[in-house]
Amino acid sequence: MKSDFTLAKEELQRIGIKRVAADFYAEPKRKGSVYFVKSPATHDKTASLALYPNSNRFTDFANGNLSGDCISFVVYVKGCNQWQALKELQESLRRQK
């Protein structure tokens, strides 16, 4: 039997980083094949946190190129740990079904 964490990661791969960003932080703006939002670490005038839908990863260029996956994104913008982020993501997925 797969763990909650593994099942959630599989579901997050399907829905993608762009939707996670929109649900948990801000609506991303498209620039070419990449989407951007403002960094939660700085007060950007222009968006510097890049979302890569093809790999479901993000990079915040305003914060030392911090990067990660969908769960890491929620950890970053919410200031919580991975377990709390996973629980919030699972709740969000349940509400949307």
PDB file of N, CA and C in Angstrom:
ATOM      1  N   MET A   1       0.841  -1.192   0.000  1.00  0.00           N
ATOM      2  CA  MET A   1       0.000   0.000   0.000  1.00  0.00           C
ATOM      3  C   MET A   1       0.880   1.247   0.000  1.00  0.00           C
ATOM      4  N   LYS A   2       0.525   2.188  -0.814  1.00  0.00           N
ATOM      5  CA  LYS A   2       1.315   3.404  -0.912  1.00  0.00           C
ATOM      6  C   LYS A   2       1.019   4.331   0.253  1.00  0.00           C
ATOM      7  N   SER A   3       2.029   5.077   0.651  1.00  0.00           N
ATOM      8  CA  SER A   3       1.858   6.038   1.741  1.00  0.00           C
ATOM      9  C   SER A   3       1.074   7.265   1.272  1.00  0.00           C
ATOM     10  N   ASP A   4       0.514   7.992   2.227  1.00  0.00           N
ATOM     11  CA  ASP A   4      -0.193   9.231   1.908  1.00  0.00           C
ATOM     12  C   ASP A   4       0.700  10.180   1.128  1.00  0.00           C
ATOM     13  N   PHE A   5       1.968  10.244   1.533  1.00  0.00           N
ATOM     14  CA  PHE A   5       2.909  11.153   0.897  1.00  0.00           C
ATOM     15  C   PHE A   5       3.098  10.796  -0.582  1.00  0.00           C
ATOM     16  N   THR A   6       3.273   9.512  -0.878  1.00  0.00           N
ATOM     17  CA  THR A   6       3.475   9.063  -2.252  1.00  0.00           C
ATOM     18  C   THR A   6       2.225   9.316  -3.091  1.00  0.00           C
ATOM     19  N   LEU A   7       1.064   8.997  -2.548  1.00  0.00           N
ATOM     20  CA  LEU A   7      -0.183   9.231  -3.273  1.00  0.00           C
ATOM     21  C   LEU A   7      -0.394  10.715  -3.559  1.00  0.00           C
ATOM     22  N   ALA A   8      -0.112  11.561  -2.577  1.00  0.00           N
ATOM     23  CA  ALA A   8      -0.258  13.009  -2.771  1.00  0.00           C
ATOM     24  C   ALA A   8       0.702  13.518  -3.833  1.00  0.00           C
ATOM     25  N   LYS A   9       1.939  13.041  -3.819  1.00  0.00           N
ATOM     26  CA  LYS A   9       2.910  13.484  -4.829  1.00  0.00           C
ATOM     27  C   LYS A   9       2.448  13.092  -6.228  1.00  0.00           C
ATOM     28  N   GLU A  10       1.879  11.900  -6.375  1.00  0.00           N
ATOM     29  CA  GLU A  10       1.370  11.475  -7.679  1.00  0.00           C
ATOM     30  C   GLU A  10       0.222  12.375  -8.133  1.00  0.00           C
ATOM     31  N   GLU A  11      -0.685  12.697  -7.230  1.00  0.00           N
ATOM     32  CA  GLU A  11      -1.808  13.573  -7.553  1.00  0.00           C
ATOM     33  C   GLU A  11      -1.310  14.980  -7.898  1.00  0.00           C
ATOM     34  N   LEU A  12      -0.310  15.464  -7.172  1.00  0.00           N
ATOM     35  CA  LEU A  12       0.240  16.799  -7.437  1.00  0.00           C
ATOM     36  C   LEU A  12       0.927  16.850  -8.795  1.00  0.00           C
ATOM     37  N   GLN A  13       1.546  15.762  -9.222  1.00  0.00           N
ATOM     38  CA  GLN A  13       2.148  15.719 -10.551  1.00  0.00           C
ATOM     39  C   GLN A  13       1.063  15.916 -11.611  1.00  0.00           C
ATOM     40  N   ARG A  14      -0.116  15.363 -11.343  1.00  0.00           N
ATOM     41  CA  ARG A  14      -1.212  15.465 -12.293  1.00  0.00           C
ATOM     42  C   ARG A  14      -1.796  16.882 -12.344  1.00  0.00           C
ATOM     43  N   ILE A  15      -2.007  17.502 -11.186  1.00  0.00           N
ATOM     44  CA  ILE A  15      -2.636  18.835 -11.203  1.00  0.00           C
ATOM     45  C   ILE A  15      -1.644  19.948 -11.498  1.00  0.00           C
ATOM     46  N   GLY A  16      -0.397  19.812 -11.075  1.00  0.00           N
ATOM     47  CA  GLY A  16       0.649  20.733 -11.470  1.00  0.00           C
ATOM     48  C   GLY A  16       0.920  21.915 -10.552  1.00  0.00           C
ATOM     49  N   ILE A  17       2.117  22.445 -10.685  1.00  0.00           N
ATOM     50  CA  ILE A  17       2.617  23.549  -9.857  1.00  0.00           C
ATOM     51  C   ILE A  17       1.835  24.838 -10.104  1.00  0.00           C
ATOM     52  N   LYS A  18       1.378  25.047 -11.324  1.00  0.00           N
ATOM     53  CA  LYS A  18       0.641  26.277 -11.638  1.00  0.00           C
ATOM     54  C   LYS A  18      -0.653  26.353 -10.832  1.00  0.00           C
ATOM     55  N   ARG A  19      -1.371  25.259 -10.758  1.00  0.00           N
ATOM     56  CA  ARG A  19      -2.619  25.238  -9.985  1.00  0.00           C
ATOM     57  C   ARG A  19      -2.349  25.332  -8.483  1.00  0.00           C
ATOM     58  N   VAL A  20      -1.302  24.664  -8.020  1.00  0.00           N
ATOM     59  CA  VAL A  20      -0.938  24.751  -6.601  1.00  0.00           C
ATOM     60  C   VAL A  20      -0.626  26.200  -6.243  1.00  0.00           C
ATOM     61  N   ALA A  21       0.128  26.881  -7.099  1.00  0.00           N
ATOM     62  CA  ALA A  21       0.466  28.289  -6.853  1.00  0.00           C
ATOM     63  C   ALA A  21      -0.802  29.143  -6.801  1.00  0.00           C
ATOM     64  N   ALA A  22      -1.709  28.923  -7.740  1.00  0.00           N
ATOM     65  CA  ALA A  22      -2.950  29.701  -7.775  1.00  0.00           C
ATOM     66  C   ALA A  22      -3.806  29.431  -6.541  1.00  0.00           C
ATOM     67  N   ASP A  23      -3.851  28.195  -6.096  1.00  0.00           N
ATOM     68  CA  ASP A  23      -4.684  27.829  -4.942  1.00  0.00           C
ATOM     69  C   ASP A  23      -4.085  28.288  -3.615  1.00  0.00           C
ATOM     70  N   PHE A  24      -2.766  28.297  -3.494  1.00  0.00           N
ATOM     71  CA  PHE A  24      -2.134  28.564  -2.208  1.00  0.00           C
ATOM     72  C   PHE A  24      -1.403  29.895  -2.103  1.00  0.00           C
ATOM     73  N   TYR A  25      -1.236  30.595  -3.224  1.00  0.00           N
ATOM     74  CA  TYR A  25      -0.450  31.826  -3.126  1.00  0.00           C
ATOM     75  C   TYR A  25      -0.996  32.938  -4.019  1.00  0.00           C
ATOM     76  N   ALA A  26      -0.777  32.854  -5.314  1.00  0.00           N
ATOM     77  CA  ALA A  26      -1.199  33.918  -6.229  1.00  0.00           C
ATOM     78  C   ALA A  26      -1.382  33.343  -7.630  1.00  0.00           C
ATOM     79  N   GLU A  27      -2.202  34.009  -8.407  1.00  0.00           N
ATOM     80  CA  GLU A  27      -2.428  33.577  -9.785  1.00  0.00           C
ATOM     81  C   GLU A  27      -1.178  33.882 -10.616  1.00  0.00           C
ATOM     82  N   PRO A  28      -0.559  32.850 -11.207  1.00  0.00           N
ATOM     83  CA  PRO A  28       0.656  33.071 -11.992  1.00  0.00           C
ATOM     84  C   PRO A  28       0.363  33.737 -13.338  1.00  0.00           C
ATOM     85  N   LYS A  29       1.348  34.485 -13.809  1.00  0.00           N
ATOM     86  CA  LYS A  29       1.284  35.129 -15.122  1.00  0.00           C
ATOM     87  C   LYS A  29       2.257  34.418 -16.059  1.00  0.00           C
ATOM     88  N   ARG A  30       1.781  34.119 -17.257  1.00  0.00           N
ATOM     89  CA  ARG A  30       2.587  33.375 -18.223  1.00  0.00           C
ATOM     90  C   ARG A  30       3.547  34.283 -18.979  1.00  0.00           C
ATOM     91  N   LYS A  31       4.787  33.809 -19.125  1.00  0.00           N
ATOM     92  CA  LYS A  31       5.798  34.450 -19.972  1.00  0.00           C
ATOM     93  C   LYS A  31       6.498  33.329 -20.724  1.00  0.00           C
ATOM     94  N   GLY A  32       6.072  33.107 -21.961  1.00  0.00           N
ATOM     95  CA  GLY A  32       6.592  31.982 -22.734  1.00  0.00           C
ATOM     96  C   GLY A  32       6.070  30.676 -22.162  1.00  0.00           C
ATOM     97  N   SER A  33       6.970  29.742 -21.892  1.00  0.00           N
ATOM     98  CA  SER A  33       6.557  28.452 -21.338  1.00  0.00           C
ATOM     99  C   SER A  33       6.652  28.409 -19.818  1.00  0.00           C
ATOM    100  N   VAL A  34       7.004  29.550 -19.205  1.00  0.00           N
ATOM    101  CA  VAL A  34       7.188  29.639 -17.762  1.00  0.00           C
ATOM    102  C   VAL A  34       6.138  30.592 -17.196  1.00  0.00           C
ATOM    103  N   TYR A  35       5.727  30.349 -15.963  1.00  0.00           N
ATOM    104  CA  TYR A  35       4.790  31.222 -15.259  1.00  0.00           C
ATOM    105  C   TYR A  35       5.523  31.881 -14.101  1.00  0.00           C
ATOM    106  N   PHE A  36       5.090  33.097 -13.741  1.00  0.00           N
ATOM    107  CA  PHE A  36       5.754  33.840 -12.678  1.00  0.00           C
ATOM    108  C   PHE A  36       4.756  34.390 -11.670  1.00  0.00           C
ATOM    109  N   VAL A  37       5.202  34.455 -10.408  1.00  0.00           N
ATOM    110  CA  VAL A  37       4.508  35.157  -9.329  1.00  0.00           C
ATOM    111  C   VAL A  37       5.564  35.945  -8.571  1.00  0.00           C
ATOM    112  N   LYS A  38       5.119  36.886  -7.771  1.00  0.00           N
ATOM    113  CA  LYS A  38       6.070  37.653  -6.953  1.00  0.00           C
ATOM    114  C   LYS A  38       6.601  36.785  -5.823  1.00  0.00           C
ATOM    115  N   SER A  39       7.826  37.016  -5.456  1.00  0.00           N
ATOM    116  CA  SER A  39       8.474  36.254  -4.396  1.00  0.00           C
ATOM    117  C   SER A  39       7.865  36.572  -3.037  1.00  0.00           C
ATOM    118  N   PRO A  40       7.580  35.546  -2.223  1.00  0.00           N
ATOM    119  CA  PRO A  40       7.100  35.824  -0.874  1.00  0.00           C
ATOM    120  C   PRO A  40       8.214  36.316   0.055  1.00  0.00           C
ATOM    121  N   ALA A  41       9.463  36.178  -0.377  1.00  0.00           N
ATOM    122  CA  ALA A  41      10.607  36.566   0.455  1.00  0.00           C
ATOM    123  C   ALA A  41      10.977  38.033   0.316  1.00  0.00           C
ATOM    124  N   THR A  42      10.573  38.661  -0.779  1.00  0.00           N
ATOM    125  CA  THR A  42      10.936  40.053  -1.028  1.00  0.00           C
ATOM    126  C   THR A  42       9.701  40.822  -1.481  1.00  0.00           C
ATOM    127  N   HIS A  43       9.837  42.092  -1.621  1.00  0.00           N
ATOM    128  CA  HIS A  43       8.751  42.922  -2.133  1.00  0.00           C
ATOM    129  C   HIS A  43       9.077  43.298  -3.577  1.00  0.00           C
ATOM    130  N   ASP A  44       9.012  42.305  -4.438  1.00  0.00           N
ATOM    131  CA  ASP A  44       9.319  42.491  -5.861  1.00  0.00           C
ATOM    132  C   ASP A  44       8.385  43.491  -6.523  1.00  0.00           C
ATOM    133  N   LYS A  45       8.943  44.271  -7.420  1.00  0.00           N
ATOM    134  CA  LYS A  45       8.096  45.067  -8.310  1.00  0.00           C
ATOM    135  C   LYS A  45       7.692  44.188  -9.495  1.00  0.00           C
ATOM    136  N   THR A  46       8.598  43.314  -9.889  1.00  0.00           N
ATOM    137  CA  THR A  46       8.290  42.360 -10.946  1.00  0.00           C
ATOM    138  C   THR A  46       8.426  40.952 -10.367  1.00  0.00           C
ATOM    139  N   ALA A  47       7.652  40.062 -10.888  1.00  0.00           N
ATOM    140  CA  ALA A  47       7.643  38.687 -10.382  1.00  0.00           C
ATOM    141  C   ALA A  47       8.972  37.994 -10.677  1.00  0.00           C
ATOM    142  N   SER A  48       9.521  37.336  -9.658  1.00  0.00           N
ATOM    143  CA  SER A  48      10.805  36.654  -9.832  1.00  0.00           C
ATOM    144  C   SER A  48      10.769  35.195  -9.404  1.00  0.00           C
ATOM    145  N   LEU A  49       9.602  34.698  -9.031  1.00  0.00           N
ATOM    146  CA  LEU A  49       9.475  33.294  -8.695  1.00  0.00           C
ATOM    147  C   LEU A  49       8.893  32.591  -9.914  1.00  0.00           C
ATOM    148  N   ALA A  50       9.691  31.719 -10.510  1.00  0.00           N
ATOM    149  CA  ALA A  50       9.308  31.039 -11.749  1.00  0.00           C
ATOM    150  C   ALA A  50       8.688  29.684 -11.450  1.00  0.00           C
ATOM    151  N   LEU A  51       7.620  29.374 -12.175  1.00  0.00           N
ATOM    152  CA  LEU A  51       6.947  28.084 -12.080  1.00  0.00           C
ATOM    153  C   LEU A  51       7.142  27.358 -13.409  1.00  0.00           C
ATOM    154  N   TYR A  52       7.615  26.134 -13.340  1.00  0.00           N
ATOM    155  CA  TYR A  52       7.898  25.341 -14.533  1.00  0.00           C
ATOM    156  C   TYR A  52       6.891  24.193 -14.636  1.00  0.00           C
ATOM    157  N   PRO A  53       5.818  24.368 -15.418  1.00  0.00           N
ATOM    158  CA  PRO A  53       4.771  23.351 -15.490  1.00  0.00           C
ATOM    159  C   PRO A  53       5.241  22.000 -16.038  1.00  0.00           C
ATOM    160  N   ASN A  54       6.220  21.998 -16.921  1.00  0.00           N
ATOM    161  CA  ASN A  54       6.683  20.735 -17.503  1.00  0.00           C
ATOM    162  C   ASN A  54       7.318  19.815 -16.474  1.00  0.00           C
ATOM    163  N   SER A  55       7.961  20.387 -15.466  1.00  0.00           N
ATOM    164  CA  SER A  55       8.620  19.578 -14.439  1.00  0.00           C
ATOM    165  C   SER A  55       7.949  19.701 -13.072  1.00  0.00           C
ATOM    166  N   ASN A  56       6.912  20.552 -12.979  1.00  0.00           N
ATOM    167  CA  ASN A  56       6.214  20.813 -11.708  1.00  0.00           C
ATOM    168  C   ASN A  56       7.180  21.251 -10.612  1.00  0.00           C
ATOM    169  N   ARG A  57       8.035  22.201 -10.961  1.00  0.00           N
ATOM    170  CA  ARG A  57       9.018  22.731 -10.021  1.00  0.00           C
ATOM    171  C   ARG A  57       8.958  24.254 -10.051  1.00  0.00           C
ATOM    172  N   PHE A  58       9.573  24.867  -9.042  1.00  0.00           N
ATOM    173  CA  PHE A  58       9.655  26.326  -8.982  1.00  0.00           C
ATOM    174  C   PHE A  58      11.081  26.727  -8.637  1.00  0.00           C
ATOM    175  N   THR A  59      11.414  27.970  -8.970  1.00  0.00           N
ATOM    176  CA  THR A  59      12.678  28.586  -8.566  1.00  0.00           C
ATOM    177  C   THR A  59      12.394  30.034  -8.228  1.00  0.00           C
ATOM    178  N   ASP A  60      12.836  30.460  -7.041  1.00  0.00           N
ATOM    179  CA  ASP A  60      12.683  31.851  -6.636  1.00  0.00           C
ATOM    180  C   ASP A  60      14.030  32.542  -6.809  1.00  0.00           C
ATOM    181  N   PHE A  61      14.147  33.318  -7.868  1.00  0.00           N
ATOM    182  CA  PHE A  61      15.404  33.991  -8.181  1.00  0.00           C
ATOM    183  C   PHE A  61      15.705  35.137  -7.222  1.00  0.00           C
ATOM    184  N   ALA A  62      14.708  35.611  -6.498  1.00  0.00           N
ATOM    185  CA  ALA A  62      14.927  36.692  -5.535  1.00  0.00           C
ATOM    186  C   ALA A  62      15.420  36.168  -4.190  1.00  0.00           C
ATOM    187  N   ASN A  63      15.408  34.864  -4.013  1.00  0.00           N
ATOM    188  CA  ASN A  63      15.795  34.270  -2.738  1.00  0.00           C
ATOM    189  C   ASN A  63      16.867  33.198  -2.949  1.00  0.00           C
ATOM    190  N   GLY A  64      17.963  33.580  -3.571  1.00  0.00           N
ATOM    191  CA  GLY A  64      19.094  32.676  -3.742  1.00  0.00           C
ATOM    192  C   GLY A  64      18.807  31.462  -4.579  1.00  0.00           C
ATOM    193  N   ASN A  65      17.909  31.593  -5.553  1.00  0.00           N
ATOM    194  CA  ASN A  65      17.545  30.494  -6.445  1.00  0.00           C
ATOM    195  C   ASN A  65      16.959  29.298  -5.702  1.00  0.00           C
ATOM    196  N   LEU A  66      16.260  29.551  -4.612  1.00  0.00           N
ATOM    197  CA  LEU A  66      15.563  28.497  -3.883  1.00  0.00           C
ATOM    198  C   LEU A  66      14.613  27.792  -4.833  1.00  0.00           C
ATOM    199  N   SER A  67      14.592  26.465  -4.794  1.00  0.00           N
ATOM    200  CA  SER A  67      13.727  25.732  -5.719  1.00  0.00           C
ATOM    201  C   SER A  67      13.169  24.480  -5.059  1.00  0.00           C
ATOM    202  N   GLY A  68      12.190  23.891  -5.723  1.00  0.00           N
ATOM    203  CA  GLY A  68      11.605  22.663  -5.211  1.00  0.00           C
ATOM    204  C   GLY A  68      10.376  22.247  -5.993  1.00  0.00           C
ATOM    205  N   ASP A  69       9.659  21.274  -5.417  1.00  0.00           N
ATOM    206  CA  ASP A  69       8.462  20.728  -6.049  1.00  0.00           C
ATOM    207  C   ASP A  69       7.204  21.388  -5.468  1.00  0.00           C
ATOM    208  N   CYS A  70       6.044  20.804  -5.752  1.00  0.00           N
ATOM    209  CA  CYS A  70       4.771  21.382  -5.295  1.00  0.00           C
ATOM    210  C   CYS A  70       4.686  21.454  -3.772  1.00  0.00           C
ATOM    211  N   ILE A  71       5.111  20.400  -3.093  1.00  0.00           N
ATOM    212  CA  ILE A  71       5.049  20.391  -1.632  1.00  0.00           C
ATOM    213  C   ILE A  71       6.007  21.437  -1.066  1.00  0.00           C
ATOM    214  N   SER A  72       7.201  21.509  -1.627  1.00  0.00           N
ATOM    215  CA  SER A  72       8.178  22.514  -1.187  1.00  0.00           C
ATOM    216  C   SER A  72       7.658  23.928  -1.419  1.00  0.00           C
ATOM    217  N   PHE A  73       6.886  24.118  -2.483  1.00  0.00           N
ATOM    218  CA  PHE A  73       6.306  25.431  -2.763  1.00  0.00           C
ATOM    219  C   PHE A  73       5.369  25.848  -1.628  1.00  0.00           C
ATOM    220  N   VAL A  74       4.502  24.937  -1.195  1.00  0.00           N
ATOM    221  CA  VAL A  74       3.567  25.251  -0.109  1.00  0.00           C
ATOM    222  C   VAL A  74       4.334  25.497   1.181  1.00  0.00           C
ATOM    223  N   VAL A  75       5.368  24.702   1.439  1.00  0.00           N
ATOM    224  CA  VAL A  75       6.219  24.928   2.619  1.00  0.00           C
ATOM    225  C   VAL A  75       6.783  26.337   2.576  1.00  0.00           C
ATOM    226  N   TYR A  76       7.268  26.745   1.429  1.00  0.00           N
ATOM    227  CA  TYR A  76       7.901  28.051   1.262  1.00  0.00           C
ATOM    228  C   TYR A  76       6.912  29.202   1.463  1.00  0.00           C
ATOM    229  N   VAL A  77       5.769  29.150   0.794  1.00  0.00           N
ATOM    230  CA  VAL A  77       4.849  30.292   0.860  1.00  0.00           C
ATOM    231  C   VAL A  77       4.033  30.322   2.152  1.00  0.00           C
ATOM    232  N   LYS A  78       3.819  29.179   2.778  1.00  0.00           N
ATOM    233  CA  LYS A  78       3.038  29.120   4.022  1.00  0.00           C
ATOM    234  C   LYS A  78       3.903  29.147   5.279  1.00  0.00           C
ATOM    235  N   GLY A  79       5.210  28.891   5.127  1.00  0.00           N
ATOM    236  CA  GLY A  79       6.098  28.883   6.282  1.00  0.00           C
ATOM    237  C   GLY A  79       5.823  27.716   7.218  1.00  0.00           C
ATOM    238  N   CYS A  80       5.506  26.565   6.661  1.00  0.00           N
ATOM    239  CA  CYS A  80       5.210  25.396   7.472  1.00  0.00           C
ATOM    240  C   CYS A  80       6.193  24.271   7.137  1.00  0.00           C
ATOM    241  N   ASN A  81       6.031  23.120   7.773  1.00  0.00           N
ATOM    242  CA  ASN A  81       6.892  21.987   7.437  1.00  0.00           C
ATOM    243  C   ASN A  81       6.225  21.132   6.360  1.00  0.00           C
ATOM    244  N   GLN A  82       6.942  20.120   5.871  1.00  0.00           N
ATOM    245  CA  GLN A  82       6.420  19.312   4.770  1.00  0.00           C
ATOM    246  C   GLN A  82       5.162  18.539   5.159  1.00  0.00           C
ATOM    247  N   TRP A  83       5.101  18.044   6.373  1.00  0.00           N
ATOM    248  CA  TRP A  83       3.927  17.309   6.805  1.00  0.00           C
ATOM    249  C   TRP A  83       2.693  18.210   6.815  1.00  0.00           C
ATOM    250  N   GLN A  84       2.821  19.430   7.337  1.00  0.00           N
ATOM    251  CA  GLN A  84       1.699  20.371   7.352  1.00  0.00           C
ATOM    252  C   GLN A  84       1.298  20.753   5.925  1.00  0.00           C
ATOM    253  N   ALA A  85       2.294  20.953   5.053  1.00  0.00           N
ATOM    254  CA  ALA A  85       2.010  21.288   3.659  1.00  0.00           C
ATOM    255  C   ALA A  85       1.256  20.153   2.981  1.00  0.00           C
ATOM    256  N   LEU A  86       1.678  18.926   3.230  1.00  0.00           N
ATOM    257  CA  LEU A  86       1.015  17.768   2.652  1.00  0.00           C
ATOM    258  C   LEU A  86      -0.439  17.703   3.107  1.00  0.00           C
ATOM    259  N   LYS A  87      -0.679  17.924   4.376  1.00  0.00           N
ATOM    260  CA  LYS A  87      -2.047  17.901   4.906  1.00  0.00           C
ATOM    261  C   LYS A  87      -2.902  19.001   4.262  1.00  0.00           C
ATOM    262  N   GLU A  88      -2.349  20.198   4.113  1.00  0.00           N
ATOM    263  CA  GLU A  88      -3.094  21.287   3.473  1.00  0.00           C
ATOM    264  C   GLU A  88      -3.404  20.967   2.011  1.00  0.00           C
ATOM    265  N   LEU A  89      -2.440  20.380   1.320  1.00  0.00           N
ATOM    266  CA  LEU A  89      -2.654  20.003  -0.074  1.00  0.00           C
ATOM    267  C   LEU A  89      -3.720  18.914  -0.183  1.00  0.00           C
ATOM    268  N   GLN A  90      -3.675  17.938   0.699  1.00  0.00           N
ATOM    269  CA  GLN A  90      -4.689  16.876   0.676  1.00  0.00           C
ATOM    270  C   GLN A  90      -6.082  17.441   0.923  1.00  0.00           C
ATOM    271  N   GLU A  91      -6.200  18.343   1.879  1.00  0.00           N
ATOM    272  CA  GLU A  91      -7.490  18.986   2.152  1.00  0.00           C
ATOM    273  C   GLU A  91      -7.995  19.742   0.925  1.00  0.00           C
ATOM    274  N   SER A  92      -7.098  20.467   0.295  1.00  0.00           N
ATOM    275  CA  SER A  92      -7.458  21.233  -0.892  1.00  0.00           C
ATOM    276  C   SER A  92      -7.928  20.303  -2.011  1.00  0.00           C
ATOM    277  N   LEU A  93      -7.234  19.197  -2.197  1.00  0.00           N
ATOM    278  CA  LEU A  93      -7.608  18.237  -3.241  1.00  0.00           C
ATOM    279  C   LEU A  93      -8.978  17.626  -2.934  1.00  0.00           C
ATOM    280  N   ARG A  94      -9.239  17.311  -1.681  1.00  0.00           N
ATOM    281  CA  ARG A  94     -10.544  16.742  -1.296  1.00  0.00           C
ATOM    282  C   ARG A  94     -11.685  17.722  -1.554  1.00  0.00           C
ATOM    283  N   ARG A  95     -11.452  19.007  -1.233  1.00  0.00           N
ATOM    284  CA  ARG A  95     -12.487  20.031  -1.433  1.00  0.00           C
ATOM    285  C   ARG A  95     -12.807  20.223  -2.914  1.00  0.00           C
ATOM    286  N   GLN A  96     -11.813  20.029  -3.768  1.00  0.00           N
ATOM    287  CA  GLN A  96     -11.994  20.286  -5.192  1.00  0.00           C
ATOM    288  C   GLN A  96     -12.634  19.101  -5.930  1.00  0.00           C
ATOM    289  N   LYS A  97     -12.722  17.961  -5.298  1.00  0.00           N
ATOM    290  CA  LYS A  97     -13.306  16.790  -5.961  1.00  0.00           C
ATOM    291  C   LYS A  97     -14.797  16.792  -5.876  1.00  0.00           C
TER     292      LYS A  97
END
